[in-house]
Amino acid sequence: MKLITLAIVIIAVAFLSSCSEKLAIVKPYEREFLAEDRMFFSPMEGRSELEGHVFLIREAAEGGEGTFQGGCGCR
């Protein structure tokens, strides 16, 4: 009976130690992969693209998005 209890305790400790936070630390050289666009989940992805386009049209006369344009919407 003690052998079964000891085996269960050893298995439980092994299982719980595999779920520890030490394994979830992200190394600095691995962070570049987490910053890729495909790693982001945005339910309103289309809307953010539209808002970026509107920002580009309205603020481009002041250099808001990197290219200089007219601000009237014509490119």
PDB file of N, CA and C in Angstrom:
ATOM      1  N   MET A   1       0.827  -1.196   0.000  1.00  0.00           N
ATOM      2  CA  MET A   1       0.000   0.000   0.000  1.00  0.00           C
ATOM      3  C   MET A   1       0.870   1.259   0.000  1.00  0.00           C
ATOM      4  N   LYS A   2       1.970   1.207   0.775  1.00  0.00           N
ATOM      5  CA  LYS A   2       2.858   2.363   0.814  1.00  0.00           C
ATOM      6  C   LYS A   2       3.565   2.551  -0.523  1.00  0.00           C
ATOM      7  N   LEU A   3       3.831   1.456  -1.213  1.00  0.00           N
ATOM      8  CA  LEU A   3       4.490   1.543  -2.509  1.00  0.00           C
ATOM      9  C   LEU A   3       3.593   2.234  -3.537  1.00  0.00           C
ATOM     10  N   ILE A   4       2.309   1.940  -3.518  1.00  0.00           N
ATOM     11  CA  ILE A   4       1.361   2.579  -4.436  1.00  0.00           C
ATOM     12  C   ILE A   4       1.234   4.066  -4.114  1.00  0.00           C
ATOM     13  N   THR A   5       1.168   4.405  -2.840  1.00  0.00           N
ATOM     14  CA  THR A   5       1.083   5.805  -2.427  1.00  0.00           C
ATOM     15  C   THR A   5       2.334   6.568  -2.839  1.00  0.00           C
ATOM     16  N   LEU A   6       3.498   5.955  -2.647  1.00  0.00           N
ATOM     17  CA  LEU A   6       4.755   6.585  -3.037  1.00  0.00           C
ATOM     18  C   LEU A   6       4.816   6.790  -4.553  1.00  0.00           C
ATOM     19  N   ALA A   7       4.347   5.813  -5.312  1.00  0.00           N
ATOM     20  CA  ALA A   7       4.342   5.927  -6.771  1.00  0.00           C
ATOM     21  C   ALA A   7       3.407   7.045  -7.226  1.00  0.00           C
ATOM     22  N   ILE A   8       2.254   7.154  -6.600  1.00  0.00           N
ATOM     23  CA  ILE A   8       1.307   8.221  -6.944  1.00  0.00           C
ATOM     24  C   ILE A   8       1.892   9.586  -6.616  1.00  0.00           C
ATOM     25  N   VAL A   9       2.562   9.704  -5.477  1.00  0.00           N
ATOM     26  CA  VAL A   9       3.182  10.975  -5.091  1.00  0.00           C
ATOM     27  C   VAL A   9       4.291  11.350  -6.074  1.00  0.00           C
ATOM     28  N   ILE A  10       5.104  10.392  -6.461  1.00  0.00           N
ATOM     29  CA  ILE A  10       6.191  10.667  -7.408  1.00  0.00           C
ATOM     30  C   ILE A  10       5.633  11.095  -8.763  1.00  0.00           C
ATOM     31  N   ILE A  11       4.605  10.422  -9.229  1.00  0.00           N
ATOM     32  CA  ILE A  11       3.989  10.788 -10.505  1.00  0.00           C
ATOM     33  C   ILE A  11       3.350  12.172 -10.418  1.00  0.00           C
ATOM     34  N   ALA A  12       2.695  12.472  -9.302  1.00  0.00           N
ATOM     35  CA  ALA A  12       2.067  13.785  -9.128  1.00  0.00           C
ATOM     36  C   ALA A  12       3.110  14.897  -9.097  1.00  0.00           C
ATOM     37  N   VAL A  13       4.220  14.669  -8.392  1.00  0.00           N
ATOM     38  CA  VAL A  13       5.285  15.675  -8.337  1.00  0.00           C
ATOM     39  C   VAL A  13       5.901  15.876  -9.721  1.00  0.00           C
ATOM     40  N   ALA A  14       6.115  14.800 -10.446  1.00  0.00           N
ATOM     41  CA  ALA A  14       6.676  14.912 -11.793  1.00  0.00           C
ATOM     42  C   ALA A  14       5.721  15.662 -12.725  1.00  0.00           C
ATOM     43  N   PHE A  15       4.434  15.390 -12.603  1.00  0.00           N
ATOM     44  CA  PHE A  15       3.450  16.068 -13.438  1.00  0.00           C
ATOM     45  C   PHE A  15       3.365  17.548 -13.103  1.00  0.00           C
ATOM     46  N   LEU A  16       3.321  17.878 -11.830  1.00  0.00           N
ATOM     47  CA  LEU A  16       3.204  19.274 -11.425  1.00  0.00           C
ATOM     48  C   LEU A  16       4.476  20.069 -11.697  1.00  0.00           C
ATOM     49  N   SER A  17       5.620  19.424 -11.619  1.00  0.00           N
ATOM     50  CA  SER A  17       6.859  20.147 -11.909  1.00  0.00           C
ATOM     51  C   SER A  17       6.991  20.447 -13.399  1.00  0.00           C
ATOM     52  N   SER A  18       6.347  19.666 -14.231  1.00  0.00           N
ATOM     53  CA  SER A  18       6.391  19.951 -15.669  1.00  0.00           C
ATOM     54  C   SER A  18       5.521  21.148 -16.029  1.00  0.00           C
ATOM     55  N   CYS A  19       4.641  21.542 -15.139  1.00  0.00           N
ATOM     56  CA  CYS A  19       3.764  22.689 -15.380  1.00  0.00           C
ATOM     57  C   CYS A  19       4.275  23.958 -14.708  1.00  0.00           C
ATOM     58  N   SER A  20       5.498  23.955 -14.267  1.00  0.00           N
ATOM     59  CA  SER A  20       6.012  25.103 -13.522  1.00  0.00           C
ATOM     60  C   SER A  20       6.266  26.288 -14.443  1.00  0.00           C
ATOM     61  N   GLU A  21       6.407  27.453 -13.859  1.00  0.00           N
ATOM     62  CA  GLU A  21       6.626  28.671 -14.630  1.00  0.00           C
ATOM     63  C   GLU A  21       8.020  28.751 -15.210  1.00  0.00           C
ATOM     64  N   LYS A  22       8.937  28.015 -14.676  1.00  0.00           N
ATOM     65  CA  LYS A  22      10.306  28.073 -15.167  1.00  0.00           C
ATOM     66  C   LYS A  22      10.390  27.687 -16.638  1.00  0.00           C
ATOM     67  N   LEU A  23       9.490  26.870 -17.087  1.00  0.00           N
ATOM     68  CA  LEU A  23       9.507  26.430 -18.474  1.00  0.00           C
ATOM     69  C   LEU A  23       8.876  27.454 -19.409  1.00  0.00           C
ATOM     70  N   ALA A  24       8.165  28.443 -18.857  1.00  0.00           N
ATOM     71  CA  ALA A  24       7.454  29.412 -19.686  1.00  0.00           C
ATOM     72  C   ALA A  24       8.213  30.715 -19.867  1.00  0.00           C
ATOM     73  N   ILE A  25       9.438  30.803 -19.392  1.00  0.00           N
ATOM     74  CA  ILE A  25      10.212  32.029 -19.543  1.00  0.00           C
ATOM     75  C   ILE A  25      10.658  32.149 -20.996  1.00  0.00           C
ATOM     76  N   VAL A  26      10.403  33.303 -21.570  1.00  0.00           N
ATOM     77  CA  VAL A  26      10.768  33.547 -22.961  1.00  0.00           C
ATOM     78  C   VAL A  26      12.137  34.205 -22.987  1.00  0.00           C
ATOM     79  N   LYS A  27      13.031  33.611 -23.709  1.00  0.00           N
ATOM     80  CA  LYS A  27      14.385  34.144 -23.838  1.00  0.00           C
ATOM     81  C   LYS A  27      14.364  35.379 -24.747  1.00  0.00           C
ATOM     82  N   PRO A  28      15.315  36.298 -24.558  1.00  0.00           N
ATOM     83  CA  PRO A  28      15.319  37.508 -25.394  1.00  0.00           C
ATOM     84  C   PRO A  28      15.410  37.221 -26.891  1.00  0.00           C
ATOM     85  N   TYR A  29      16.127  36.193 -27.275  1.00  0.00           N
ATOM     86  CA  TYR A  29      16.246  35.896 -28.702  1.00  0.00           C
ATOM     87  C   TYR A  29      14.996  35.220 -29.257  1.00  0.00           C
ATOM     88  N   GLU A  30      14.074  34.785 -28.399  1.00  0.00           N
ATOM     89  CA  GLU A  30      12.823  34.184 -28.859  1.00  0.00           C
ATOM     90  C   GLU A  30      11.704  35.211 -28.977  1.00  0.00           C
ATOM     91  N   ARG A  31      11.909  36.386 -28.431  1.00  0.00           N
ATOM     92  CA  ARG A  31      10.849  37.397 -28.429  1.00  0.00           C
ATOM     93  C   ARG A  31      10.561  37.946 -29.814  1.00  0.00           C
ATOM     94  N   GLU A  32      11.530  37.873 -30.706  1.00  0.00           N
ATOM     95  CA  GLU A  32      11.295  38.381 -32.053  1.00  0.00           C
ATOM     96  C   GLU A  32      10.195  37.593 -32.759  1.00  0.00           C
ATOM     97  N   PHE A  33      10.074  36.314 -32.462  1.00  0.00           N
ATOM     98  CA  PHE A  33       9.038  35.501 -33.093  1.00  0.00           C
ATOM     99  C   PHE A  33       7.661  35.812 -32.518  1.00  0.00           C
ATOM    100  N   LEU A  34       7.600  36.234 -31.261  1.00  0.00           N
ATOM    101  CA  LEU A  34       6.322  36.586 -30.656  1.00  0.00           C
ATOM    102  C   LEU A  34       5.826  37.944 -31.125  1.00  0.00           C
ATOM    103  N   ALA A  35       6.698  38.745 -31.706  1.00  0.00           N
ATOM    104  CA  ALA A  35       6.320  40.069 -32.176  1.00  0.00           C
ATOM    105  C   ALA A  35       5.858  40.063 -33.629  1.00  0.00           C
ATOM    106  N   GLU A  36       5.834  38.925 -34.274  1.00  0.00           N
ATOM    107  CA  GLU A  36       5.396  38.862 -35.668  1.00  0.00           C
ATOM    108  C   GLU A  36       3.893  39.103 -35.770  1.00  0.00           C
ATOM    109  N   ASP A  37       3.466  39.587 -36.917  1.00  0.00           N
ATOM    110  CA  ASP A  37       2.055  39.905 -37.131  1.00  0.00           C
ATOM    111  C   ASP A  37       1.156  38.685 -37.001  1.00  0.00           C
ATOM    112  N   ARG A  38       1.643  37.534 -37.401  1.00  0.00           N
ATOM    113  CA  ARG A  38       0.794  36.342 -37.358  1.00  0.00           C
ATOM    114  C   ARG A  38       0.545  35.856 -35.934  1.00  0.00           C
ATOM    115  N   MET A  39       1.275  36.390 -34.954  1.00  0.00           N
ATOM    116  CA  MET A  39       1.082  35.987 -33.566  1.00  0.00           C
ATOM    117  C   MET A  39      -0.007  36.804 -32.882  1.00  0.00           C
ATOM    118  N   PHE A  40      -0.465  37.886 -33.504  1.00  0.00           N
ATOM    119  CA  PHE A  40      -1.491  38.723 -32.898  1.00  0.00           C
ATOM    120  C   PHE A  40      -2.864  38.204 -33.290  1.00  0.00           C
ATOM    121  N   PHE A  41      -3.783  38.300 -32.371  1.00  0.00           N
ATOM    122  CA  PHE A  41      -5.164  37.914 -32.630  1.00  0.00           C
ATOM    123  C   PHE A  41      -6.024  39.145 -32.441  1.00  0.00           C
ATOM    124  N   SER A  42      -6.598  39.614 -33.498  1.00  0.00           N
ATOM    125  CA  SER A  42      -7.443  40.795 -33.429  1.00  0.00           C
ATOM    126  C   SER A  42      -8.788  40.466 -34.065  1.00  0.00           C
ATOM    127  N   PRO A  43      -9.870  40.508 -33.286  1.00  0.00           N
ATOM    128  CA  PRO A  43     -11.173  40.214 -33.875  1.00  0.00           C
ATOM    129  C   PRO A  43     -11.634  41.307 -34.841  1.00  0.00           C
ATOM    130  N   MET A  44     -11.046  42.490 -34.743  1.00  0.00           N
ATOM    131  CA  MET A  44     -11.449  43.590 -35.612  1.00  0.00           C
ATOM    132  C   MET A  44     -10.293  43.968 -36.530  1.00  0.00           C
ATOM    133  N   GLU A  45      -9.670  42.980 -37.133  1.00  0.00           N
ATOM    134  CA  GLU A  45      -8.500  43.230 -37.972  1.00  0.00           C
ATOM    135  C   GLU A  45      -8.846  44.106 -39.172  1.00  0.00           C
ATOM    136  N   GLY A  46      -9.963  43.850 -39.786  1.00  0.00           N
ATOM    137  CA  GLY A  46     -10.372  44.661 -40.923  1.00  0.00           C
ATOM    138  C   GLY A  46     -10.643  46.100 -40.531  1.00  0.00           C
ATOM    139  N   ARG A  47     -11.203  46.282 -39.359  1.00  0.00           N
ATOM    140  CA  ARG A  47     -11.491  47.639 -38.901  1.00  0.00           C
ATOM    141  C   ARG A  47     -10.203  48.404 -38.617  1.00  0.00           C
ATOM    142  N   SER A  48      -9.213  47.737 -38.042  1.00  0.00           N
ATOM    143  CA  SER A  48      -7.964  48.429 -37.760  1.00  0.00           C
ATOM    144  C   SER A  48      -7.271  48.845 -39.055  1.00  0.00           C
ATOM    145  N   GLU A  49      -7.379  48.038 -40.102  1.00  0.00           N
ATOM    146  CA  GLU A  49      -6.829  48.429 -41.401  1.00  0.00           C
ATOM    147  C   GLU A  49      -7.568  49.635 -41.958  1.00  0.00           C
ATOM    148  N   LEU A  50      -8.888  49.663 -41.793  1.00  0.00           N
ATOM    149  CA  LEU A  50      -9.676  50.799 -42.266  1.00  0.00           C
ATOM    150  C   LEU A  50      -9.321  52.058 -41.489  1.00  0.00           C
ATOM    151  N   GLU A  51      -9.184  51.938 -40.172  1.00  0.00           N
ATOM    152  CA  GLU A  51      -8.811  53.099 -39.368  1.00  0.00           C
ATOM    153  C   GLU A  51      -7.421  53.601 -39.736  1.00  0.00           C
ATOM    154  N   GLY A  52      -6.504  52.686 -40.048  1.00  0.00           N
ATOM    155  CA  GLY A  52      -5.179  53.091 -40.492  1.00  0.00           C
ATOM    156  C   GLY A  52      -5.229  53.838 -41.810  1.00  0.00           C
ATOM    157  N   HIS A  53      -6.103  53.399 -42.707  1.00  0.00           N
ATOM    158  CA  HIS A  53      -6.256  54.076 -43.994  1.00  0.00           C
ATOM    159  C   HIS A  53      -6.832  55.476 -43.792  1.00  0.00           C
ATOM    160  N   VAL A  54      -7.846  55.594 -42.933  1.00  0.00           N
ATOM    161  CA  VAL A  54      -8.439  56.904 -42.657  1.00  0.00           C
ATOM    162  C   VAL A  54      -7.406  57.823 -42.014  1.00  0.00           C
ATOM    163  N   PHE A  55      -6.615  57.298 -41.101  1.00  0.00           N
ATOM    164  CA  PHE A  55      -5.559  58.094 -40.475  1.00  0.00           C
ATOM    165  C   PHE A  55      -4.549  58.543 -41.517  1.00  0.00           C
ATOM    166  N   LEU A  56      -4.213  57.658 -42.436  1.00  0.00           N
ATOM    167  CA  LEU A  56      -3.269  57.994 -43.497  1.00  0.00           C
ATOM    168  C   LEU A  56      -3.801  59.132 -44.356  1.00  0.00           C
ATOM    169  N   ILE A  57      -5.067  59.071 -44.722  1.00  0.00           N
ATOM    170  CA  ILE A  57      -5.649  60.096 -45.585  1.00  0.00           C
ATOM    171  C   ILE A  57      -5.734  61.429 -44.855  1.00  0.00           C
ATOM    172  N   ARG A  58      -6.134  61.423 -43.604  1.00  0.00           N
ATOM    173  CA  ARG A  58      -6.328  62.679 -42.879  1.00  0.00           C
ATOM    174  C   ARG A  58      -5.027  63.307 -42.406  1.00  0.00           C
ATOM    175  N   GLU A  59      -4.099  62.503 -41.975  1.00  0.00           N
ATOM    176  CA  GLU A  59      -2.895  63.035 -41.355  1.00  0.00           C
ATOM    177  C   GLU A  59      -1.680  63.048 -42.268  1.00  0.00           C
ATOM    178  N   ALA A  60      -1.807  62.577 -43.491  1.00  0.00           N
ATOM    179  CA  ALA A  60      -0.636  62.489 -44.361  1.00  0.00           C
ATOM    180  C   ALA A  60      -0.113  63.856 -44.768  1.00  0.00           C
ATOM    181  N   ALA A  61      -0.968  64.863 -44.762  1.00  0.00           N
ATOM    182  CA  ALA A  61      -0.503  66.195 -45.119  1.00  0.00           C
ATOM    183  C   ALA A  61       0.530  66.689 -44.117  1.00  0.00           C
ATOM    184  N   GLU A  62       0.479  66.171 -42.891  1.00  0.00           N
ATOM    185  CA  GLU A  62       1.442  66.544 -41.864  1.00  0.00           C
ATOM    186  C   GLU A  62       2.525  65.486 -41.704  1.00  0.00           C
ATOM    187  N   GLY A  63       2.539  64.476 -42.537  1.00  0.00           N
ATOM    188  CA  GLY A  63       3.533  63.411 -42.418  1.00  0.00           C
ATOM    189  C   GLY A  63       3.170  62.390 -41.365  1.00  0.00           C
ATOM    190  N   GLY A  64       1.884  62.126 -41.192  1.00  0.00           N
ATOM    191  CA  GLY A  64       1.441  61.239 -40.126  1.00  0.00           C
ATOM    192  C   GLY A  64       1.749  59.775 -40.344  1.00  0.00           C
ATOM    193  N   GLU A  65       1.840  59.332 -41.573  1.00  0.00           N
ATOM    194  CA  GLU A  65       2.039  57.908 -41.819  1.00  0.00           C
ATOM    195  C   GLU A  65       3.287  57.634 -42.649  1.00  0.00           C
ATOM    196  N   GLY A  66       4.134  58.594 -42.807  1.00  0.00           N
ATOM    197  CA  GLY A  66       5.403  58.335 -43.462  1.00  0.00           C
ATOM    198  C   GLY A  66       5.527  58.869 -44.877  1.00  0.00           C
ATOM    199  N   THR A  67       4.434  58.998 -45.598  1.00  0.00           N
ATOM    200  CA  THR A  67       4.513  59.524 -46.958  1.00  0.00           C
ATOM    201  C   THR A  67       3.814  60.863 -47.007  1.00  0.00           C
ATOM    202  N   PHE A  68       4.300  61.745 -47.844  1.00  0.00           N
ATOM    203  CA  PHE A  68       3.690  63.067 -47.975  1.00  0.00           C
ATOM    204  C   PHE A  68       2.645  63.020 -49.071  1.00  0.00           C
ATOM    205  N   GLN A  69       1.438  63.446 -48.733  1.00  0.00           N
ATOM    206  CA  GLN A  69       0.351  63.464 -49.704  1.00  0.00           C
ATOM    207  C   GLN A  69      -0.464  64.719 -49.490  1.00  0.00           C
ATOM    208  N   GLY A  70      -1.519  64.783 -50.222  1.00  0.00           N
ATOM    209  CA  GLY A  70      -2.317  65.994 -50.213  1.00  0.00           C
ATOM    210  C   GLY A  70      -3.256  66.140 -49.043  1.00  0.00           C
ATOM    211  N   GLY A  71      -3.710  65.228 -48.349  1.00  0.00           N
ATOM    212  CA  GLY A  71      -4.647  65.422 -47.254  1.00  0.00           C
ATOM    213  C   GLY A  71      -6.091  65.441 -47.715  1.00  0.00           C
ATOM    214  N   CYS A  72      -6.321  65.590 -49.023  1.00  0.00           N
ATOM    215  CA  CYS A  72      -7.676  65.588 -49.553  1.00  0.00           C
ATOM    216  C   CYS A  72      -8.130  64.173 -49.871  1.00  0.00           C
ATOM    217  N   GLY A  73      -7.220  63.227 -49.809  1.00  0.00           N
ATOM    218  CA  GLY A  73      -7.560  61.848 -50.099  1.00  0.00           C
ATOM    219  C   GLY A  73      -7.027  61.380 -51.430  1.00  0.00           C
ATOM    220  N   CYS A  74      -6.616  62.301 -52.278  1.00  0.00           N
ATOM    221  CA  CYS A  74      -6.060  61.890 -53.564  1.00  0.00           C
ATOM    222  C   CYS A  74      -4.574  61.595 -53.405  1.00  0.00           C
ATOM    223  N   ARG A  75      -4.131  60.590 -54.109  1.00  0.00           N
ATOM    224  CA  ARG A  75      -2.721  60.203 -53.953  1.00  0.00           C
ATOM    225  C   ARG A  75      -1.979  60.602 -55.171  1.00  0.00           C
TER     226      ARG A  75
END
